[in-house]
Amino acid sequence: MFAGMKLAFTKQMYFKPSYLPSNGAANILVRSLAEELGLSLNKKYEIILASFLAIAKKVNGQAFDWWTGNDNKTLKLWSLFPHVSNQSVMDVYNLLKENGYIGAMTGSKTSAIEGLAVEKPNWITAQRLPKHFMEEATFIESNLPFVMVNQPETYEDKKATKNQYFAAPKLSIKKVKQEFGEEYKLAYRSVSEMNAYWSQHPLYNPIANEFYSSARRIFHNGSIKSGGCWYGGWTDFNSNQRCSFTIDGHPVVQVDVNAMILCLLSSLTGKPMNMIGAFQDVYQAVLSQIPDTKNSRDKLKQVIIELAGSGNPYKEKPSPDSEILENTDEFIHIRDLCLEAYPALKCLDQERFNFTNDLSFHEASILTETLLSLKQIGVVAYPVHDCLIVRMGDEFDAVETFKKVFKDYVSLFQKLNKLPELYLDIALTIKFDPSEQVRIQGASS
């Protein structure tokens, strides 16, 4: 039944045991492959085989990466995925290899692998898969790890990891449960609840011809109080691409918070931004002062990201890998305008109050509460950092819920930390397609 496929090279594609078959053709492929490999088809083998077929379909004959755990790190990684075991993943890999369904590809250069990589790539190609069935098959990503916590890293560790294209190493599930107890359970419960809801309303991606109903939350620095952002297959695609996605056959819109980090900084410190009254764009406080700067909006955002990311409000030069900020004088000029317009930036530090730790945690917490609140009123929403993907027609509920959750969250934080109660109504953008968006104004006092 299984014929040959064209071979070529691709990058940023890797196997992970996270898919299930989504239609008849995919089910036939999985069952046939299990039979030929001599496997009794149960949940774990269905996931592993479907995931192999899903990545093979996605790369369309090109090479992809399947880590083999030469130093046992990968085997520990597979244990983070529900339903599958370390041994079952490697057993299937070996059976596929022995039966000629995967072949090695030598001489391929190392490439960045998003999210999970722990070792150098093991580039392989799928072989003997039937073209017609592969074209007809669709798969759904529904088996991602719920909660992952990165091990503590120094700044030098992070740079080395980035330079080698590896993701931060993860704590084992056992260690995470032991160290974080109830906090882990709370984070796990929110993902479990949303995954169950999404399974009834999967997000469809026509670009890759696949569905998504599963996300993972990733925390940083060995702490469940750092980060916590939601990641799913849809977050690998940019905003314009996501405009073509659907939920339950309906087109989607994206509801994005304007300048979330600046709004959080101001609210969590009780230091208002230098702007009063209604506004549509927080960034205009600085952009209006640099009208002749090329790509001014992108440069302004990059400066804010670098200050918040480093925890150093007086950072003296852009990062070496910055693609749009090469001029140090320009960087300092925009930095100083930011410090004047957004005084809360001066409260940043390199311990906790920075984006990697506190700010990303608060952002993710607000997004989580928004997702769960929308679920309670029957609105399906998928998260992308400080943005939501919802069905067209649900955007007004998404806007009102986002605004309310933000207000309630920061108000409680201010009371608990005895800060001045600062009124800030966030502004949002509703994006209908790449060329049409509507701004929803916010206000401050």
Protein backbone atom coordinates (compact mmCIF):
# COMPACT_ATOMS: atom_id res chain seq x y z
CA MET A 1 0.00 0.00 0.00
CA PHE A 2 2.86 2.40 0.79
CA ALA A 3 4.63 3.93 -2.20
CA GLY A 4 7.59 6.27 -2.47
CA MET A 5 7.66 10.05 -1.93
CA LYS A 6 9.89 12.83 -3.23
CA LEU A 7 12.84 13.81 -1.02
CA ALA A 8 14.11 17.31 -0.30
CA PHE A 9 15.24 19.46 2.63
CA THR A 10 13.29 21.71 4.96
CA LYS A 11 13.99 23.33 8.29
CA GLN A 12 12.07 24.03 11.49
CA MET A 13 10.10 20.81 11.14
CA TYR A 14 10.28 18.11 13.79
CA PHE A 15 8.41 15.09 15.08
CA LYS A 16 6.52 15.34 18.34
CA PRO A 17 3.86 12.89 19.59
CA SER A 18 0.99 15.37 19.60
CA TYR A 19 -1.40 14.44 16.73
CA LEU A 20 -4.42 12.22 16.18
CA PRO A 21 -6.20 11.36 12.91
CA SER A 22 -9.03 13.76 12.06
CA ASN A 23 -10.77 12.14 9.07
CA GLY A 24 -11.33 8.77 7.38
CA ALA A 25 -8.23 8.89 5.22
CA ALA A 26 -6.03 9.62 8.23
CA ASN A 27 -7.61 6.79 10.19
CA ILE A 28 -7.01 4.36 7.32
CA LEU A 29 -3.36 5.39 7.13
CA VAL A 30 -2.84 4.93 10.86
CA ARG A 31 -4.56 1.54 10.98
CA SER A 32 -2.72 0.27 7.90
CA LEU A 33 0.64 1.41 9.16
CA ALA A 34 0.03 -0.17 12.59
CA GLU A 35 -0.88 -3.47 10.91
CA GLU A 36 2.21 -3.48 8.72
CA LEU A 37 4.42 -2.73 11.73
CA GLY A 38 2.76 -5.48 13.76
CA LEU A 39 1.41 -3.07 16.38
CA SER A 40 -1.83 -3.50 18.29
CA LEU A 41 -3.46 -0.10 17.81
CA ASN A 42 -4.06 1.60 21.14
CA LYS A 43 -4.03 5.26 22.16
CA LYS A 44 -0.27 5.64 22.47
CA TYR A 45 0.50 4.00 19.13
CA GLU A 46 -2.31 5.91 17.43
CA ILE A 47 -0.75 9.18 18.62
CA ILE A 48 2.79 8.25 17.61
CA LEU A 49 1.83 6.94 14.17
CA ALA A 50 -0.56 9.83 13.49
CA SER A 51 2.18 12.27 14.52
CA PHE A 52 4.66 10.64 12.14
CA LEU A 53 2.13 10.85 9.29
CA ALA A 54 1.17 14.44 10.19
CA ILE A 55 4.76 15.70 10.03
CA ALA A 56 5.37 13.70 6.85
CA LYS A 57 2.33 15.35 5.28
CA LYS A 58 3.40 18.79 6.46
CA VAL A 59 6.92 18.57 5.01
CA ASN A 60 5.60 16.94 1.81
CA GLY A 61 8.60 14.76 1.09
CA GLN A 62 11.21 17.01 2.66
CA ALA A 63 13.42 16.17 5.61
CA PHE A 64 12.30 16.59 9.20
CA ASP A 65 13.88 16.06 12.59
CA TRP A 66 13.19 13.18 14.96
CA TRP A 67 15.45 13.27 18.00
CA THR A 68 16.72 9.88 19.04
CA GLY A 69 17.89 10.67 22.56
CA ASN A 70 21.58 9.88 22.29
CA ASP A 71 22.17 11.31 25.78
CA ASN A 72 18.74 10.34 27.18
CA LYS A 73 17.52 13.96 27.21
CA THR A 74 15.05 13.36 24.43
CA LEU A 75 13.64 10.30 26.15
CA LYS A 76 12.94 12.48 29.18
CA LEU A 77 11.29 14.99 26.87
CA TRP A 78 8.83 12.45 25.47
CA SER A 79 7.62 11.72 29.00
CA LEU A 80 6.15 15.24 29.09
CA PHE A 81 3.57 14.31 26.44
CA PRO A 82 0.31 12.72 27.64
CA HIS A 83 -0.59 9.09 26.81
CA VAL A 84 2.78 8.10 25.30
CA SER A 85 5.83 6.58 26.96
CA ASN A 86 9.52 7.11 26.30
CA GLN A 87 9.93 3.53 25.19
CA SER A 88 6.89 3.47 22.91
CA VAL A 89 8.17 6.47 20.93
CA MET A 90 11.55 4.85 20.38
CA ASP A 91 9.98 1.45 19.60
CA VAL A 92 7.88 2.99 16.82
CA TYR A 93 10.87 4.94 15.49
CA ASN A 94 12.89 1.75 15.26
CA LEU A 95 10.04 -0.19 13.60
CA LEU A 96 9.54 2.56 11.01
CA LYS A 97 13.25 2.56 10.29
CA GLU A 98 13.50 -1.25 10.08
CA ASN A 99 10.53 -1.40 7.69
CA GLY A 100 11.81 1.36 5.40
CA TYR A 101 9.27 4.05 6.24
CA ILE A 102 11.98 6.48 7.32
CA GLY A 103 15.41 7.02 5.87
CA ALA A 104 18.40 8.96 7.13
CA MET A 105 19.43 12.20 5.46
CA THR A 106 23.10 13.01 5.91
CA GLY A 107 24.88 16.29 5.39
CA SER A 108 21.98 18.52 6.48
CA LYS A 109 22.92 21.69 8.31
CA THR A 110 21.68 22.44 11.83
CA SER A 111 18.54 24.59 11.95
CA ALA A 112 16.51 26.39 14.60
CA ILE A 113 13.87 24.12 16.10
CA GLU A 114 11.01 25.90 17.83
CA GLY A 115 10.01 25.14 21.35
CA LEU A 116 11.30 21.71 22.35
CA ALA A 117 14.71 20.87 20.87
CA VAL A 118 17.27 19.46 23.27
CA GLU A 119 19.93 18.05 20.97
CA LYS A 120 21.38 18.36 17.49
CA PRO A 121 18.97 17.43 14.70
CA ASN A 122 18.52 13.88 13.42
CA TRP A 123 17.25 14.68 9.91
CA ILE A 124 15.19 11.89 8.34
CA THR A 125 12.73 11.51 5.48
CA ALA A 126 9.42 9.65 5.27
CA GLN A 127 9.25 6.96 2.61
CA ARG A 128 6.75 4.50 1.08
CA LEU A 129 3.69 6.59 2.04
CA PRO A 130 0.74 6.61 -0.42
CA LYS A 131 0.43 10.00 -2.09
CA HIS A 132 -3.36 9.98 -2.56
CA PHE A 133 -4.18 9.05 1.03
CA MET A 134 -1.62 11.52 2.35
CA GLU A 135 -3.20 14.32 0.33
CA GLU A 136 -6.67 13.45 1.65
CA ALA A 137 -5.68 12.89 5.27
CA THR A 138 -6.12 15.57 7.92
CA PHE A 139 -4.78 15.47 11.47
CA ILE A 140 -5.50 17.34 14.68
CA GLU A 141 -2.88 18.43 17.18
CA SER A 142 -4.49 17.40 20.46
CA ASN A 143 -1.79 15.88 22.67
CA LEU A 144 0.65 18.60 23.73
CA PRO A 145 2.11 18.65 27.26
CA PHE A 146 -0.15 20.75 29.47
CA VAL A 147 2.46 22.55 31.59
CA MET A 148 6.22 22.80 31.09
CA VAL A 149 8.73 24.58 33.33
CA ASN A 150 12.14 25.54 32.00
CA GLN A 151 15.13 24.92 34.21
CA PRO A 152 16.79 27.98 35.77
CA GLU A 153 19.26 29.63 33.40
CA THR A 154 21.79 32.41 33.67
CA TYR A 155 21.95 35.07 30.98
CA GLU A 156 25.01 33.33 29.53
CA ASP A 157 23.15 30.00 29.47
CA LYS A 158 20.29 31.56 27.55
CA LYS A 159 22.60 33.10 24.98
CA ALA A 160 24.44 29.78 24.49
CA THR A 161 21.16 27.91 24.11
CA LYS A 162 19.91 30.43 21.58
CA ASN A 163 23.13 30.35 19.60
CA GLN A 164 22.96 26.55 19.37
CA TYR A 165 19.26 26.68 18.43
CA PHE A 166 18.26 24.63 21.48
CA ALA A 167 15.27 25.31 23.69
CA ALA A 168 15.76 25.71 27.42
CA PRO A 169 15.93 22.31 29.15
CA LYS A 170 12.74 21.37 31.01
CA LEU A 171 12.11 20.19 34.55
CA SER A 172 10.60 16.73 34.79
CA ILE A 173 6.88 16.47 35.51
CA LYS A 174 7.66 14.70 38.78
CA LYS A 175 9.89 17.57 39.93
CA VAL A 176 7.37 20.20 38.82
CA LYS A 177 4.60 18.50 40.81
CA GLN A 178 6.83 18.18 43.88
CA GLU A 179 8.05 21.79 43.83
CA PHE A 180 4.90 23.64 42.84
CA GLY A 181 2.05 21.49 44.15
CA GLU A 182 -1.24 23.43 44.10
CA GLU A 183 0.11 26.11 41.76
CA TYR A 184 0.96 23.42 39.22
CA LYS A 185 -2.50 21.89 39.61
CA LEU A 186 -4.11 25.28 38.99
CA ALA A 187 -2.09 25.86 35.82
CA TYR A 188 -2.74 22.29 34.66
CA ARG A 189 -6.48 22.61 35.32
CA SER A 190 -6.81 25.73 33.16
CA VAL A 191 -5.12 24.04 30.20
CA SER A 192 -7.11 20.85 30.68
CA GLU A 193 -10.36 22.81 30.75
CA MET A 194 -9.54 24.75 27.60
CA ASN A 195 -8.28 21.66 25.75
CA ALA A 196 -11.54 19.85 26.50
CA TYR A 197 -13.52 22.83 25.20
CA TRP A 198 -11.34 23.21 22.11
CA SER A 199 -11.81 19.52 21.28
CA GLN A 200 -15.43 20.42 20.53
CA HIS A 201 -14.46 23.51 18.51
CA PRO A 202 -11.02 22.90 16.93
CA LEU A 203 -9.20 25.67 15.12
CA TYR A 204 -8.66 24.86 11.44
CA ASN A 205 -5.58 26.00 9.55
CA PRO A 206 -6.16 25.81 5.76
CA ILE A 207 -2.51 26.65 5.07
CA ALA A 208 -1.27 23.42 6.67
CA ASN A 209 -4.64 21.63 6.32
CA GLU A 210 -4.66 20.63 9.97
CA PHE A 211 -6.68 21.24 13.14
CA TYR A 212 -5.61 22.34 16.63
CA SER A 213 -7.30 21.62 19.95
CA SER A 214 -4.37 21.53 22.35
CA ALA A 215 -2.00 24.05 23.92
CA ARG A 216 0.85 24.00 26.40
CA ARG A 217 1.86 26.65 28.92
CA ILE A 218 5.60 27.24 29.33
CA PHE A 219 7.01 28.80 32.49
CA HIS A 220 10.57 30.10 32.87
CA ASN A 221 13.57 30.06 35.18
CA GLY A 222 12.51 27.07 37.24
CA SER A 223 9.50 28.99 38.56
CA ILE A 224 5.77 28.71 37.99
CA LYS A 225 5.57 32.45 38.68
CA SER A 226 7.64 33.33 35.60
CA GLY A 227 6.08 33.27 32.14
CA GLY A 228 3.24 30.84 31.55
CA CYS A 229 2.48 31.85 27.98
CA TRP A 230 0.17 29.60 25.94
CA TYR A 231 1.59 27.89 22.84
CA GLY A 232 -0.13 25.76 20.21
CA GLY A 233 0.35 24.93 16.55
CA TRP A 234 -1.43 28.15 15.57
CA THR A 235 1.18 30.32 17.32
CA ASP A 236 3.76 29.24 14.71
CA PHE A 237 1.88 31.32 12.12
CA ASN A 238 1.89 35.10 11.80
CA SER A 239 -1.09 37.38 12.23
CA ASN A 240 -1.87 37.73 8.52
CA GLN A 241 -1.77 33.95 8.05
CA ARG A 242 -4.08 33.41 11.01
CA CYS A 243 -6.72 35.56 9.29
CA SER A 244 -7.48 32.58 7.04
CA PHE A 245 -8.17 30.19 9.95
CA THR A 246 -11.68 29.05 10.88
CA ILE A 247 -13.54 27.80 13.97
CA ASP A 248 -16.54 25.53 13.36
CA GLY A 249 -16.40 26.57 9.70
CA HIS A 250 -16.71 30.27 10.59
CA PRO A 251 -14.08 32.91 9.75
CA VAL A 252 -12.09 34.31 12.65
CA VAL A 253 -11.01 37.72 13.85
CA GLN A 254 -8.10 38.61 16.12
CA VAL A 255 -8.52 40.83 19.18
CA ASP A 256 -5.20 42.31 20.25
CA VAL A 257 -4.38 44.43 23.32
CA ASN A 258 -2.58 47.64 22.42
CA ALA A 259 0.79 47.89 24.20
CA MET A 260 0.01 45.26 26.84
CA ILE A 261 3.48 45.43 28.44
CA LEU A 262 3.32 49.19 28.91
CA CYS A 263 -0.21 48.96 30.30
CA LEU A 264 0.88 46.24 32.73
CA LEU A 265 3.96 48.18 33.80
CA SER A 266 1.90 51.25 34.56
CA SER A 267 -0.84 49.35 36.38
CA LEU A 268 1.48 47.11 38.44
CA THR A 269 3.57 50.04 39.68
CA GLY A 270 0.84 52.65 40.10
CA LYS A 271 2.80 55.00 37.83
CA PRO A 272 0.57 56.48 35.11
CA MET A 273 1.73 56.98 31.56
CA ASN A 274 2.08 60.61 30.44
CA MET A 275 -1.24 60.59 28.63
CA ILE A 276 -4.66 61.50 29.97
CA GLY A 277 -8.11 60.85 28.53
CA ALA A 278 -9.20 58.65 25.66
CA PHE A 279 -6.60 57.06 23.37
CA GLN A 280 -6.40 54.44 20.63
CA ASP A 281 -2.67 53.85 20.59
CA VAL A 282 -0.35 54.04 23.60
CA TYR A 283 2.67 54.19 21.31
CA GLN A 284 1.62 57.57 19.88
CA ALA A 285 3.03 59.29 22.95
CA VAL A 286 6.50 58.57 21.51
CA LEU A 287 5.76 58.11 17.81
CA SER A 288 4.49 61.69 17.58
CA GLN A 289 7.96 62.85 18.62
CA ILE A 290 9.88 60.86 15.98
CA PRO A 291 7.86 61.49 12.79
CA ASP A 292 10.92 61.34 10.54
CA THR A 293 12.27 58.05 11.86
CA LYS A 294 12.01 55.21 9.37
CA ASN A 295 10.11 52.15 10.67
CA SER A 296 9.48 54.15 13.83
CA ARG A 297 6.75 51.89 15.22
CA ASP A 298 8.79 48.72 14.86
CA LYS A 299 11.85 50.43 16.36
CA LEU A 300 9.84 51.75 19.29
CA LYS A 301 8.41 48.32 20.03
CA GLN A 302 11.86 46.77 19.80
CA VAL A 303 13.30 49.28 22.29
CA ILE A 304 10.50 48.51 24.75
CA ILE A 305 11.01 44.76 24.28
CA GLU A 306 14.74 45.12 24.93
CA LEU A 307 14.26 47.22 28.06
CA ALA A 308 11.56 44.96 29.47
CA GLY A 309 13.35 41.77 28.43
CA SER A 310 16.67 42.74 29.98
CA GLY A 311 15.13 44.37 33.05
CA ASN A 312 17.44 47.33 32.45
CA PRO A 313 15.59 50.61 31.79
CA TYR A 314 18.89 52.35 31.01
CA LYS A 315 20.20 49.81 28.53
CA GLU A 316 22.87 51.62 26.54
CA LYS A 317 22.76 49.87 23.18
CA PRO A 318 20.60 47.50 21.18
CA SER A 319 21.20 43.76 21.24
CA PRO A 320 23.78 42.59 18.68
CA ASP A 321 21.18 40.44 16.91
CA SER A 322 18.69 43.29 16.49
CA GLU A 323 17.69 43.57 12.84
CA ILE A 324 16.17 47.05 12.92
CA LEU A 325 18.09 48.83 15.70
CA GLU A 326 21.70 49.20 14.62
CA ASN A 327 22.28 52.86 15.48
CA THR A 328 23.14 53.29 19.17
CA ASP A 329 22.33 57.02 19.19
CA GLU A 330 18.88 56.32 17.74
CA PHE A 331 18.33 53.57 20.31
CA ILE A 332 19.23 55.88 23.20
CA HIS A 333 17.04 58.67 21.81
CA ILE A 334 13.99 56.42 21.60
CA ARG A 335 14.82 54.90 25.01
CA ASP A 336 14.89 58.32 26.67
CA LEU A 337 11.58 59.31 25.07
CA CYS A 338 10.09 56.06 26.38
CA LEU A 339 11.32 56.70 29.91
CA GLU A 340 9.67 60.11 29.82
CA ALA A 341 6.38 58.93 28.30
CA TYR A 342 6.14 55.68 30.29
CA PRO A 343 7.73 56.34 33.72
CA ALA A 344 6.95 52.82 34.96
CA LEU A 345 9.79 51.54 32.75
CA LYS A 346 12.18 52.96 35.36
CA CYS A 347 10.91 50.33 37.83
CA LEU A 348 12.28 47.44 35.76
CA ASP A 349 14.96 45.30 37.37
CA GLN A 350 16.98 42.23 36.44
CA GLU A 351 15.71 40.03 39.27
CA ARG A 352 11.92 39.71 39.02
CA PHE A 353 10.33 42.81 37.53
CA ASN A 354 11.07 42.18 33.86
CA PHE A 355 9.29 40.49 30.99
CA THR A 356 10.90 37.06 31.37
CA ASN A 357 9.63 36.77 34.94
CA ASP A 358 6.85 38.92 36.45
CA LEU A 359 5.49 40.74 33.41
CA SER A 360 5.04 37.68 31.22
CA PHE A 361 3.44 35.87 34.17
CA HIS A 362 0.89 38.63 34.69
CA GLU A 363 0.21 38.85 30.96
CA ALA A 364 -0.39 35.10 30.78
CA SER A 365 -2.57 35.17 33.90
CA ILE A 366 -4.80 37.85 32.41
CA LEU A 367 -5.04 35.93 29.15
CA THR A 368 -5.91 32.73 31.03
CA GLU A 369 -8.70 34.39 33.00
CA THR A 370 -10.01 35.91 29.77
CA LEU A 371 -10.09 32.52 28.02
CA LEU A 372 -11.96 30.89 30.90
CA SER A 373 -14.39 33.81 31.23
CA LEU A 374 -15.21 33.67 27.52
CA LYS A 375 -15.72 29.92 27.76
CA GLN A 376 -18.33 30.52 30.45
CA ILE A 377 -20.43 32.58 28.01
CA GLY A 378 -19.96 30.15 25.12
CA VAL A 379 -17.25 32.05 23.22
CA VAL A 380 -14.44 29.93 21.76
CA ALA A 381 -11.10 31.75 21.93
CA TYR A 382 -7.55 30.69 21.11
CA PRO A 383 -4.62 32.62 22.69
CA VAL A 384 -1.60 34.20 21.01
CA HIS A 385 0.45 36.07 23.65
CA ASP A 386 -1.66 39.23 24.25
CA CYS A 387 -4.13 38.42 21.47
CA LEU A 388 -7.22 36.23 21.06
CA ILE A 389 -8.54 34.42 17.99
CA VAL A 390 -12.36 34.22 18.05
CA ARG A 391 -15.14 33.49 15.60
CA MET A 392 -16.34 36.49 13.63
CA GLY A 393 -19.31 37.83 15.54
CA ASP A 394 -17.75 37.13 18.95
CA GLU A 395 -15.31 40.03 18.81
CA PHE A 396 -17.44 42.38 20.92
CA ASP A 397 -17.73 39.82 23.74
CA ALA A 398 -13.97 39.30 23.50
CA VAL A 399 -13.28 43.05 23.76
CA GLU A 400 -15.55 43.58 26.76
CA THR A 401 -14.23 40.49 28.55
CA PHE A 402 -10.60 41.42 27.91
CA LYS A 403 -11.22 44.94 29.27
CA LYS A 404 -13.04 43.68 32.37
CA VAL A 405 -10.52 40.97 33.23
CA PHE A 406 -7.62 43.42 32.89
CA LYS A 407 -9.33 46.00 35.14
CA ASP A 408 -10.27 43.45 37.79
CA TYR A 409 -6.85 41.81 37.75
CA VAL A 410 -4.78 44.97 38.16
CA SER A 411 -7.24 46.47 40.64
CA LEU A 412 -6.85 43.44 42.91
CA PHE A 413 -3.06 43.56 42.49
CA GLN A 414 -2.99 47.25 43.43
CA LYS A 415 -5.09 46.64 46.56
CA LEU A 416 -3.04 43.63 47.69
CA ASN A 417 0.21 45.56 47.19
CA LYS A 418 -1.13 48.85 48.63
CA LEU A 419 -0.51 50.76 45.43
CA PRO A 420 -2.41 53.82 44.22
CA GLU A 421 -5.52 52.63 42.38
CA LEU A 422 -4.73 53.69 38.83
CA TYR A 423 -7.55 53.84 36.30
CA LEU A 424 -6.53 52.42 32.94
CA ASP A 425 -8.95 51.11 30.33
CA ILE A 426 -6.95 49.20 27.73
CA ALA A 427 -7.26 49.90 24.01
CA LEU A 428 -7.62 47.00 21.59
CA THR A 429 -7.44 46.28 17.89
CA ILE A 430 -9.85 43.99 16.04
CA LYS A 431 -8.22 42.53 12.94
CA PHE A 432 -10.64 41.12 10.37
CA ASP A 433 -8.12 40.46 7.61
CA PRO A 434 -4.65 41.68 6.63
CA SER A 435 -6.04 44.96 5.26
CA GLU A 436 -8.92 45.69 7.64
CA GLN A 437 -8.79 46.44 11.33
CA VAL A 438 -10.75 48.51 13.82
CA ARG A 439 -9.29 50.25 16.85
CA ILE A 440 -11.25 50.21 20.13
CA GLN A 441 -10.24 53.14 22.29
CA GLY A 442 -9.03 53.02 25.86
CA ALA A 443 -8.70 55.72 28.48
CA SER A 444 -6.50 56.75 31.39
CA SER A 445 -6.67 59.29 34.16
